[in-house]
C-alpha cells in the first residue's frame, strides 16, 4: 500500500511539473504567436490563434519539464515569459518589415506606388501587399511553424524561465537585428534603384539632346513597363534571398544575445 501511495505521489509531482511547464510555454508561445508572421496577422480569427497556441504548447511543454525544474511559480515569472515571447516575436516580425521597406523603396524608384493597393488590412505602399503575401506564403510552405517551435526550445537556453534579460543586452540585440533587416531591405531593392538611376540619367541625356521632345510623355510609360518587367524577373530572386536570410535568423536568432 505504501508503494502505491509513493508511486501516486510521484505521478502527482510529475503532473504538477508538467502543468507548470505548460503554463510557462503557453505564455511565451502566446506572446510569440501574437507577433508571428502569418499566424499573428489580424486576418486570423482569435479562436484559431488560441488553438494554434494550445497546439504549440502541447508539442513544446513535455520537452521543458527538465529545463524549468526548480523555477518557483509566480506572476513575476509569467511576466518574464511574456517579455521573452515578445522579444522572439519582434525578431520574426522585423523580417516582414524588411519586405515592406524594400517595397516602399521600389515604389519610389519605379512609380508603382499604387499597384495592388487596398488588398490588405493595413495600407501598403507600392508592391508591399504583393511581397508581404508572397513572403508569408513562402515562409509557411518552408515550415515556419516547425522552425518557430525549435526557436521556442532554443530560447530557453538564452532566456531561461524566471530570468531577467539585461536591458543593455536587449538593446544591443535589437539594434543589431534592426540594422540587419534594414540592410536586407536595401539589398532587396537595389536592382530597382540602380535601374531607375540609369533610366533617369538616360532620360536626362535625351532631354538635353532633344529639348523639344516630351520626355515625360514617353518616359513614364516606359518606366512603368520596365519596372513591371523587372519585377517579374526579380521577384523570385528577391523572395529566395529573403527566405535565406529568414532561415539564417532561425539558425542564430541571438547573434547578439539579449
C-alpha atoms as a PDB file:
ATOM      1  CA  UNK A   1       0.000   0.000   0.000  1.00  0.00           C
ATOM      2  CA  UNK A   2       2.855   2.342   0.869  1.00  0.00           C
ATOM      3  CA  UNK A   3       4.456   1.640  -2.502  1.00  0.00           C
ATOM      4  CA  UNK A   4       1.262   2.547  -4.355  1.00  0.00           C
ATOM      5  CA  UNK A   5       0.989   5.821  -2.416  1.00  0.00           C
ATOM      6  CA  UNK A   6       4.617   6.626  -3.219  1.00  0.00           C
ATOM      7  CA  UNK A   7       4.036   5.975  -6.911  1.00  0.00           C
ATOM      8  CA  UNK A   8       0.898   8.132  -6.909  1.00  0.00           C
ATOM      9  CA  UNK A   9       2.806  10.901  -5.150  1.00  0.00           C
ATOM     10  CA  UNK A  10       5.487  10.705  -7.826  1.00  0.00           C
ATOM     11  CA  UNK A  11       2.870  10.921 -10.544  1.00  0.00           C
ATOM     12  CA  UNK A  12       1.314  13.959  -8.891  1.00  0.00           C
ATOM     13  CA  UNK A  13       4.705  15.673  -8.711  1.00  0.00           C
ATOM     14  CA  UNK A  14       5.285  14.863 -12.377  1.00  0.00           C
ATOM     15  CA  UNK A  15       1.851  16.198 -13.326  1.00  0.00           C
ATOM     16  CA  UNK A  16       2.467  19.376 -11.319  1.00  0.00           C
ATOM     17  CA  UNK A  17       5.795  19.922 -13.064  1.00  0.00           C
ATOM     18  CA  UNK A  18       4.228  19.279 -16.464  1.00  0.00           C
ATOM     19  CA  UNK A  19       1.363  21.695 -15.723  1.00  0.00           C
ATOM     20  CA  UNK A  20       3.798  24.439 -14.707  1.00  0.00           C
ATOM     21  CA  UNK A  21       5.888  23.812 -17.832  1.00  0.00           C
ATOM     22  CA  UNK A  22       2.729  24.018 -19.945  1.00  0.00           C
ATOM     23  CA  UNK A  23       1.746  27.321 -18.284  1.00  0.00           C
ATOM     24  CA  UNK A  24       5.177  28.866 -18.934  1.00  0.00           C
ATOM     25  CA  UNK A  25       5.234  27.601 -22.520  1.00  0.00           C
ATOM     26  CA  UNK A  26       1.685  28.851 -23.117  1.00  0.00           C
ATOM     27  CA  UNK A  27       2.560  32.399 -22.049  1.00  0.00           C
ATOM     28  CA  UNK A  28       5.786  32.555 -24.072  1.00  0.00           C
ATOM     29  CA  UNK A  29       4.253  30.963 -27.165  1.00  0.00           C
ATOM     30  CA  UNK A  30       1.145  33.141 -26.919  1.00  0.00           C
ATOM     31  CA  UNK A  31       3.268  36.305 -26.986  1.00  0.00           C
ATOM     32  CA  UNK A  32       5.308  34.894 -29.883  1.00  0.00           C
ATOM     33  CA  UNK A  33       2.265  33.938 -31.967  1.00  0.00           C
ATOM     34  CA  UNK A  34       0.753  37.416 -31.426  1.00  0.00           C
ATOM     35  CA  UNK A  35       3.621  38.899 -33.484  1.00  0.00           C
ATOM     36  CA  UNK A  36       4.478  35.900 -35.643  1.00  0.00           C
ATOM     37  CA  UNK A  37       4.183  36.404 -39.428  1.00  0.00           C
ATOM     38  CA  UNK A  38       1.100  34.773 -40.881  1.00  0.00           C
ATOM     39  CA  UNK A  39      -0.273  33.284 -37.668  1.00  0.00           C
ATOM     40  CA  UNK A  40      -0.338  36.601 -35.849  1.00  0.00           C
ATOM     41  CA  UNK A  41      -1.957  38.677 -38.582  1.00  0.00           C
ATOM     42  CA  UNK A  42      -5.224  40.495 -37.959  1.00  0.00           C
ATOM     43  CA  UNK A  43      -6.964  38.373 -40.609  1.00  0.00           C
ATOM     44  CA  UNK A  44      -6.572  35.221 -38.464  1.00  0.00           C
ATOM     45  CA  UNK A  45      -9.548  34.730 -36.077  1.00  0.00           C
ATOM     46  CA  UNK A  46      -8.769  34.837 -32.359  1.00  0.00           C
ATOM     47  CA  UNK A  47     -10.086  31.301 -31.820  1.00  0.00           C
ATOM     48  CA  UNK A  48      -7.736  29.965 -34.467  1.00  0.00           C
ATOM     49  CA  UNK A  49      -4.818  31.768 -32.810  1.00  0.00           C
ATOM     50  CA  UNK A  50      -5.766  30.276 -29.449  1.00  0.00           C
ATOM     51  CA  UNK A  51      -5.957  26.788 -30.965  1.00  0.00           C
ATOM     52  CA  UNK A  52      -2.520  27.288 -32.524  1.00  0.00           C
ATOM     53  CA  UNK A  53      -1.037  28.426 -29.205  1.00  0.00           C
ATOM     54  CA  UNK A  54      -2.508  25.376 -27.449  1.00  0.00           C
ATOM     55  CA  UNK A  55      -1.145  23.077 -30.174  1.00  0.00           C
ATOM     56  CA  UNK A  56       2.320  24.622 -29.883  1.00  0.00           C
ATOM     57  CA  UNK A  57       2.142  24.273 -26.098  1.00  0.00           C
ATOM     58  CA  UNK A  58       1.243  20.579 -26.264  1.00  0.00           C
ATOM     59  CA  UNK A  59       4.244  19.968 -28.524  1.00  0.00           C
ATOM     60  CA  UNK A  60       6.799  22.003 -26.581  1.00  0.00           C
ATOM     61  CA  UNK A  61       5.851  21.662 -22.899  1.00  0.00           C
ATOM     62  CA  UNK A  62       6.839  17.961 -22.431  1.00  0.00           C
ATOM     63  CA  UNK A  63      10.372  18.895 -23.520  1.00  0.00           C
ATOM     64  CA  UNK A  64      10.641  21.728 -20.990  1.00  0.00           C
ATOM     65  CA  UNK A  65       9.982  19.890 -17.731  1.00  0.00           C
ATOM     66  CA  UNK A  66      13.683  19.321 -17.051  1.00  0.00           C
ATOM     67  CA  UNK A  67      14.691  22.840 -18.124  1.00  0.00           C
ATOM     68  CA  UNK A  68      12.348  24.644 -15.746  1.00  0.00           C
ATOM     69  CA  UNK A  69      12.915  22.341 -12.774  1.00  0.00           C
ATOM     70  CA  UNK A  70      13.346  24.465  -9.656  1.00  0.00           C
ATOM     71  CA  UNK A  71      11.506  27.518 -11.013  1.00  0.00           C
ATOM     72  CA  UNK A  72       9.095  28.775  -8.379  1.00  0.00           C
ATOM     73  CA  UNK A  73       5.575  29.536  -9.664  1.00  0.00           C
ATOM     74  CA  UNK A  74       4.866  33.269  -9.545  1.00  0.00           C
ATOM     75  CA  UNK A  75       3.282  36.031 -11.594  1.00  0.00           C
ATOM     76  CA  UNK A  76       6.720  37.632 -11.995  1.00  0.00           C
ATOM     77  CA  UNK A  77       7.972  34.524 -13.796  1.00  0.00           C
ATOM     78  CA  UNK A  78       4.922  34.550 -16.066  1.00  0.00           C
ATOM     79  CA  UNK A  79       5.564  38.219 -16.864  1.00  0.00           C
ATOM     80  CA  UNK A  80       9.149  37.371 -17.807  1.00  0.00           C
ATOM     81  CA  UNK A  81       7.866  34.648 -20.105  1.00  0.00           C
ATOM     82  CA  UNK A  82       5.585  37.140 -21.851  1.00  0.00           C
ATOM     83  CA  UNK A  83       8.508  39.525 -22.374  1.00  0.00           C
ATOM     84  CA  UNK A  84      10.643  36.696 -23.759  1.00  0.00           C
ATOM     85  CA  UNK A  85       7.877  35.733 -26.206  1.00  0.00           C
ATOM     86  CA  UNK A  86       7.527  39.335 -27.366  1.00  0.00           C
ATOM     87  CA  UNK A  87      11.292  39.528 -27.947  1.00  0.00           C
ATOM     88  CA  UNK A  88      11.128  36.435 -30.140  1.00  0.00           C
ATOM     89  CA  UNK A  89       8.050  37.712 -31.981  1.00  0.00           C
ATOM     90  CA  UNK A  90       9.590  41.104 -32.701  1.00  0.00           C
ATOM     91  CA  UNK A  91      12.628  39.361 -34.199  1.00  0.00           C
ATOM     92  CA  UNK A  92      10.391  37.439 -36.610  1.00  0.00           C
ATOM     93  CA  UNK A  93       8.174  40.429 -37.429  1.00  0.00           C
ATOM     94  CA  UNK A  94      11.143  42.639 -38.369  1.00  0.00           C
ATOM     95  CA  UNK A  95      11.819  40.482 -41.422  1.00  0.00           C
ATOM     96  CA  UNK A  96       8.356  41.298 -42.736  1.00  0.00           C
ATOM     97  CA  UNK A  97       9.118  44.957 -42.090  1.00  0.00           C
ATOM     98  CA  UNK A  98      12.206  44.457 -44.268  1.00  0.00           C
ATOM     99  CA  UNK A  99       9.970  43.291 -47.123  1.00  0.00           C
ATOM    100  CA  UNK A 100       7.674  46.284 -46.665  1.00  0.00           C
ATOM    101  CA  UNK A 101      10.641  48.684 -46.575  1.00  0.00           C
ATOM    102  CA  UNK A 102      12.073  47.167 -49.741  1.00  0.00           C
ATOM    103  CA  UNK A 103       8.689  47.538 -51.427  1.00  0.00           C
ATOM    104  CA  UNK A 104       8.477  51.202 -50.385  1.00  0.00           C
ATOM    105  CA  UNK A 105      11.930  51.893 -51.833  1.00  0.00           C
ATOM    106  CA  UNK A 106      10.971  50.152 -55.060  1.00  0.00           C
ATOM    107  CA  UNK A 107       7.767  52.214 -55.200  1.00  0.00           C
ATOM    108  CA  UNK A 108       9.620  55.496 -55.001  1.00  0.00           C
ATOM    109  CA  UNK A 109      12.099  54.396 -57.654  1.00  0.00           C
ATOM    110  CA  UNK A 110       9.677  52.941 -60.206  1.00  0.00           C
ATOM    111  CA  UNK A 111       6.356  54.834 -59.771  1.00  0.00           C
ATOM    112  CA  UNK A 112       4.498  51.663 -58.771  1.00  0.00           C
ATOM    113  CA  UNK A 113       3.220  53.154 -55.536  1.00  0.00           C
ATOM    114  CA  UNK A 114      -0.458  52.400 -56.184  1.00  0.00           C
ATOM    115  CA  UNK A 115      -0.092  48.921 -57.643  1.00  0.00           C
ATOM    116  CA  UNK A 116      -2.144  46.275 -55.791  1.00  0.00           C
ATOM    117  CA  UNK A 117      -3.232  48.836 -53.186  1.00  0.00           C
ATOM    118  CA  UNK A 118      -6.061  48.127 -50.768  1.00  0.00           C
ATOM    119  CA  UNK A 119      -5.829  44.327 -50.667  1.00  0.00           C
ATOM    120  CA  UNK A 120      -4.569  44.082 -47.069  1.00  0.00           C
ATOM    121  CA  UNK A 121      -5.997  45.254 -43.713  1.00  0.00           C
ATOM    122  CA  UNK A 122      -3.219  47.852 -43.455  1.00  0.00           C
ATOM    123  CA  UNK A 123      -2.432  50.201 -46.345  1.00  0.00           C
ATOM    124  CA  UNK A 124       0.805  49.201 -48.034  1.00  0.00           C
ATOM    125  CA  UNK A 125       2.865  51.361 -50.370  1.00  0.00           C
ATOM    126  CA  UNK A 126       3.798  50.149 -53.805  1.00  0.00           C
ATOM    127  CA  UNK A 127       4.067  46.396 -54.097  1.00  0.00           C
ATOM    128  CA  UNK A 128       4.114  45.869 -50.332  1.00  0.00           C
ATOM    129  CA  UNK A 129       0.985  43.721 -50.378  1.00  0.00           C
ATOM    130  CA  UNK A 130       2.402  41.524 -53.100  1.00  0.00           C
ATOM    131  CA  UNK A 131       5.701  40.987 -51.295  1.00  0.00           C
ATOM    132  CA  UNK A 132       4.000  40.538 -47.937  1.00  0.00           C
ATOM    133  CA  UNK A 133       1.539  37.873 -49.056  1.00  0.00           C
ATOM    134  CA  UNK A 134       4.160  36.053 -51.126  1.00  0.00           C
ATOM    135  CA  UNK A 135       6.688  36.156 -48.284  1.00  0.00           C
ATOM    136  CA  UNK A 136       4.245  34.783 -45.715  1.00  0.00           C
ATOM    137  CA  UNK A 137       3.101  32.013 -48.077  1.00  0.00           C
ATOM    138  CA  UNK A 138       6.701  31.098 -48.851  1.00  0.00           C
ATOM    139  CA  UNK A 139       7.676  31.061 -45.165  1.00  0.00           C
ATOM    140  CA  UNK A 140       4.716  28.869 -44.211  1.00  0.00           C
ATOM    141  CA  UNK A 141       5.490  26.477 -47.062  1.00  0.00           C
ATOM    142  CA  UNK A 142       9.089  26.257 -45.848  1.00  0.00           C
ATOM    143  CA  UNK A 143       7.929  25.118 -42.379  1.00  0.00           C
ATOM    144  CA  UNK A 144       7.670  28.327 -40.378  1.00  0.00           C
ATOM    145  CA  UNK A 145       5.631  26.607 -37.664  1.00  0.00           C
ATOM    146  CA  UNK A 146       8.272  23.914 -37.172  1.00  0.00           C
ATOM    147  CA  UNK A 147      11.085  26.467 -37.027  1.00  0.00           C
ATOM    148  CA  UNK A 148       9.045  28.512 -34.539  1.00  0.00           C
ATOM    149  CA  UNK A 149       8.753  25.505 -32.207  1.00  0.00           C
ATOM    150  CA  UNK A 150      12.511  24.955 -32.465  1.00  0.00           C
ATOM    151  CA  UNK A 151      13.043  28.643 -31.737  1.00  0.00           C
ATOM    152  CA  UNK A 152      10.973  28.407 -28.558  1.00  0.00           C
ATOM    153  CA  UNK A 153      13.023  25.449 -27.339  1.00  0.00           C
ATOM    154  CA  UNK A 154      16.289  27.210 -28.186  1.00  0.00           C
ATOM    155  CA  UNK A 155      15.180  30.396 -26.451  1.00  0.00           C
ATOM    156  CA  UNK A 156      15.173  28.688 -23.040  1.00  0.00           C
ATOM    157  CA  UNK A 157      18.952  28.298 -23.307  1.00  0.00           C
ATOM    158  CA  UNK A 158      19.376  32.066 -23.786  1.00  0.00           C
ATOM    159  CA  UNK A 159      16.309  33.343 -21.923  1.00  0.00           C
ATOM    160  CA  UNK A 160      15.680  30.777 -19.178  1.00  0.00           C
ATOM    161  CA  UNK A 161      12.376  30.709 -17.318  1.00  0.00           C
ATOM    162  CA  UNK A 162      12.474  33.008 -14.323  1.00  0.00           C
ATOM    163  CA  UNK A 163      15.428  35.005 -15.626  1.00  0.00           C
ATOM    164  CA  UNK A 164      15.504  38.724 -16.284  1.00  0.00           C
ATOM    165  CA  UNK A 165      17.214  39.761 -19.539  1.00  0.00           C
ATOM    166  CA  UNK A 166      19.568  42.697 -19.263  1.00  0.00           C
ATOM    167  CA  UNK A 167      18.183  45.902 -20.758  1.00  0.00           C
ATOM    168  CA  UNK A 168      21.585  46.776 -22.258  1.00  0.00           C
ATOM    169  CA  UNK A 169      21.950  43.369 -23.913  1.00  0.00           C
ATOM    170  CA  UNK A 170      18.372  43.529 -25.207  1.00  0.00           C
ATOM    171  CA  UNK A 171      19.056  46.971 -26.683  1.00  0.00           C
ATOM    172  CA  UNK A 172      22.255  45.757 -28.377  1.00  0.00           C
ATOM    173  CA  UNK A 173      20.437  42.760 -29.829  1.00  0.00           C
ATOM    174  CA  UNK A 174      17.516  44.876 -31.026  1.00  0.00           C
ATOM    175  CA  UNK A 175      19.748  47.456 -32.693  1.00  0.00           C
ATOM    176  CA  UNK A 176      21.816  44.750 -34.384  1.00  0.00           C
ATOM    177  CA  UNK A 177      18.699  42.988 -35.695  1.00  0.00           C
ATOM    178  CA  UNK A 178      17.115  46.244 -36.897  1.00  0.00           C
ATOM    179  CA  UNK A 179      20.311  47.142 -38.718  1.00  0.00           C
ATOM    180  CA  UNK A 180      20.445  43.681 -40.295  1.00  0.00           C
ATOM    181  CA  UNK A 181      16.851  43.806 -41.511  1.00  0.00           C
ATOM    182  CA  UNK A 182      17.166  47.318 -42.951  1.00  0.00           C
ATOM    183  CA  UNK A 183      20.363  46.284 -44.699  1.00  0.00           C
ATOM    184  CA  UNK A 184      18.402  43.355 -46.139  1.00  0.00           C
ATOM    185  CA  UNK A 185      15.646  45.727 -47.309  1.00  0.00           C
ATOM    186  CA  UNK A 186      18.096  47.987 -49.157  1.00  0.00           C
ATOM    187  CA  UNK A 187      19.805  44.968 -50.700  1.00  0.00           C
ATOM    188  CA  UNK A 188      16.478  43.585 -51.978  1.00  0.00           C
ATOM    189  CA  UNK A 189      15.534  46.921 -53.538  1.00  0.00           C
ATOM    190  CA  UNK A 190      18.977  47.588 -55.045  1.00  0.00           C
ATOM    191  CA  UNK A 191      18.214  46.301 -58.594  1.00  0.00           C
ATOM    192  CA  UNK A 192      15.256  48.650 -58.931  1.00  0.00           C
ATOM    193  CA  UNK A 193      17.144  51.629 -57.513  1.00  0.00           C
ATOM    194  CA  UNK A 194      20.079  51.073 -59.878  1.00  0.00           C
ATOM    195  CA  UNK A 195      17.800  50.576 -62.882  1.00  0.00           C
ATOM    196  CA  UNK A 196      15.837  53.731 -62.017  1.00  0.00           C
ATOM    197  CA  UNK A 197      19.012  55.779 -61.681  1.00  0.00           C
ATOM    198  CA  UNK A 198      20.326  54.596 -65.041  1.00  0.00           C
ATOM    199  CA  UNK A 199      16.936  55.250 -66.644  1.00  0.00           C
ATOM    200  CA  UNK A 200      16.740  58.807 -65.309  1.00  0.00           C
ATOM    201  CA  UNK A 201      20.305  59.531 -66.394  1.00  0.00           C
ATOM    202  CA  UNK A 202      19.476  58.306 -69.904  1.00  0.00           C
ATOM    203  CA  UNK A 203      16.265  60.334 -69.932  1.00  0.00           C
ATOM    204  CA  UNK A 204      18.145  63.449 -68.896  1.00  0.00           C
ATOM    205  CA  UNK A 205      20.698  62.940 -71.672  1.00  0.00           C
ATOM    206  CA  UNK A 206      17.906  62.514 -74.231  1.00  0.00           C
ATOM    207  CA  UNK A 207      16.214  65.667 -72.980  1.00  0.00           C
ATOM    208  CA  UNK A 208      19.428  67.635 -73.377  1.00  0.00           C
ATOM    209  CA  UNK A 209      19.952  66.305 -76.877  1.00  0.00           C
ATOM    210  CA  UNK A 210      16.307  66.824 -77.959  1.00  0.00           C
ATOM    211  CA  UNK A 211      14.798  69.692 -75.913  1.00  0.00           C
ATOM    212  CA  UNK A 212      11.581  69.710 -77.927  1.00  0.00           C
ATOM    213  CA  UNK A 213      10.800  66.063 -77.171  1.00  0.00           C
ATOM    214  CA  UNK A 214       8.213  65.483 -74.432  1.00  0.00           C
ATOM    215  CA  UNK A 215      10.361  63.039 -72.498  1.00  0.00           C
ATOM    216  CA  UNK A 216       7.852  62.783 -69.638  1.00  0.00           C
ATOM    217  CA  UNK A 217       5.152  61.557 -72.034  1.00  0.00           C
ATOM    218  CA  UNK A 218       7.498  58.943 -73.488  1.00  0.00           C
ATOM    219  CA  UNK A 219       9.427  58.102 -70.339  1.00  0.00           C
ATOM    220  CA  UNK A 220       6.629  57.465 -67.846  1.00  0.00           C
ATOM    221  CA  UNK A 221       5.024  54.522 -69.712  1.00  0.00           C
ATOM    222  CA  UNK A 222       8.466  53.127 -70.484  1.00  0.00           C
ATOM    223  CA  UNK A 223       9.431  53.341 -66.804  1.00  0.00           C
ATOM    224  CA  UNK A 224       6.257  51.558 -65.705  1.00  0.00           C
ATOM    225  CA  UNK A 225       6.652  48.834 -68.312  1.00  0.00           C
ATOM    226  CA  UNK A 226      10.314  48.338 -67.457  1.00  0.00           C
ATOM    227  CA  UNK A 227       9.517  48.229 -63.722  1.00  0.00           C
ATOM    228  CA  UNK A 228       6.848  45.570 -64.248  1.00  0.00           C
ATOM    229  CA  UNK A 229       9.219  43.504 -66.399  1.00  0.00           C
ATOM    230  CA  UNK A 230      11.982  43.807 -63.806  1.00  0.00           C
ATOM    231  CA  UNK A 231       9.500  42.949 -61.067  1.00  0.00           C
ATOM    232  CA  UNK A 232       8.502  39.739 -62.855  1.00  0.00           C
ATOM    233  CA  UNK A 233      12.149  38.747 -63.266  1.00  0.00           C
ATOM    234  CA  UNK A 234      13.491  39.838 -59.876  1.00  0.00           C
ATOM    235  CA  UNK A 235      10.662  38.804 -57.525  1.00  0.00           C
ATOM    236  CA  UNK A 236      11.644  35.099 -57.319  1.00  0.00           C
ATOM    237  CA  UNK A 237      15.243  36.083 -56.599  1.00  0.00           C
ATOM    238  CA  UNK A 238      14.174  38.678 -54.014  1.00  0.00           C
ATOM    239  CA  UNK A 239      11.958  36.189 -52.190  1.00  0.00           C
ATOM    240  CA  UNK A 240      14.618  33.465 -52.240  1.00  0.00           C
ATOM    241  CA  UNK A 241      17.212  35.866 -50.772  1.00  0.00           C
ATOM    242  CA  UNK A 242      14.711  36.976 -48.127  1.00  0.00           C
ATOM    243  CA  UNK A 243      13.847  33.380 -47.222  1.00  0.00           C
ATOM    244  CA  UNK A 244      17.542  32.504 -46.899  1.00  0.00           C
ATOM    245  CA  UNK A 245      18.036  35.456 -44.532  1.00  0.00           C
ATOM    246  CA  UNK A 246      14.983  34.359 -42.562  1.00  0.00           C
ATOM    247  CA  UNK A 247      16.393  30.849 -42.246  1.00  0.00           C
ATOM    248  CA  UNK A 248      19.727  32.264 -41.068  1.00  0.00           C
ATOM    249  CA  UNK A 249      17.877  34.148 -38.339  1.00  0.00           C
ATOM    250  CA  UNK A 250      16.218  30.956 -37.148  1.00  0.00           C
ATOM    251  CA  UNK A 251      19.618  29.226 -37.098  1.00  0.00           C
ATOM    252  CA  UNK A 252      21.186  32.010 -34.980  1.00  0.00           C
ATOM    253  CA  UNK A 253      18.378  34.154 -33.548  1.00  0.00           C
ATOM    254  CA  UNK A 254      20.606  35.607 -30.823  1.00  0.00           C
ATOM    255  CA  UNK A 255      23.715  36.527 -32.764  1.00  0.00           C
ATOM    256  CA  UNK A 256      23.850  39.389 -30.248  1.00  0.00           C
ATOM    257  CA  UNK A 257      22.449  37.769 -27.144  1.00  0.00           C
ATOM    258  CA  UNK A 258      19.545  39.576 -25.487  1.00  0.00           C
END
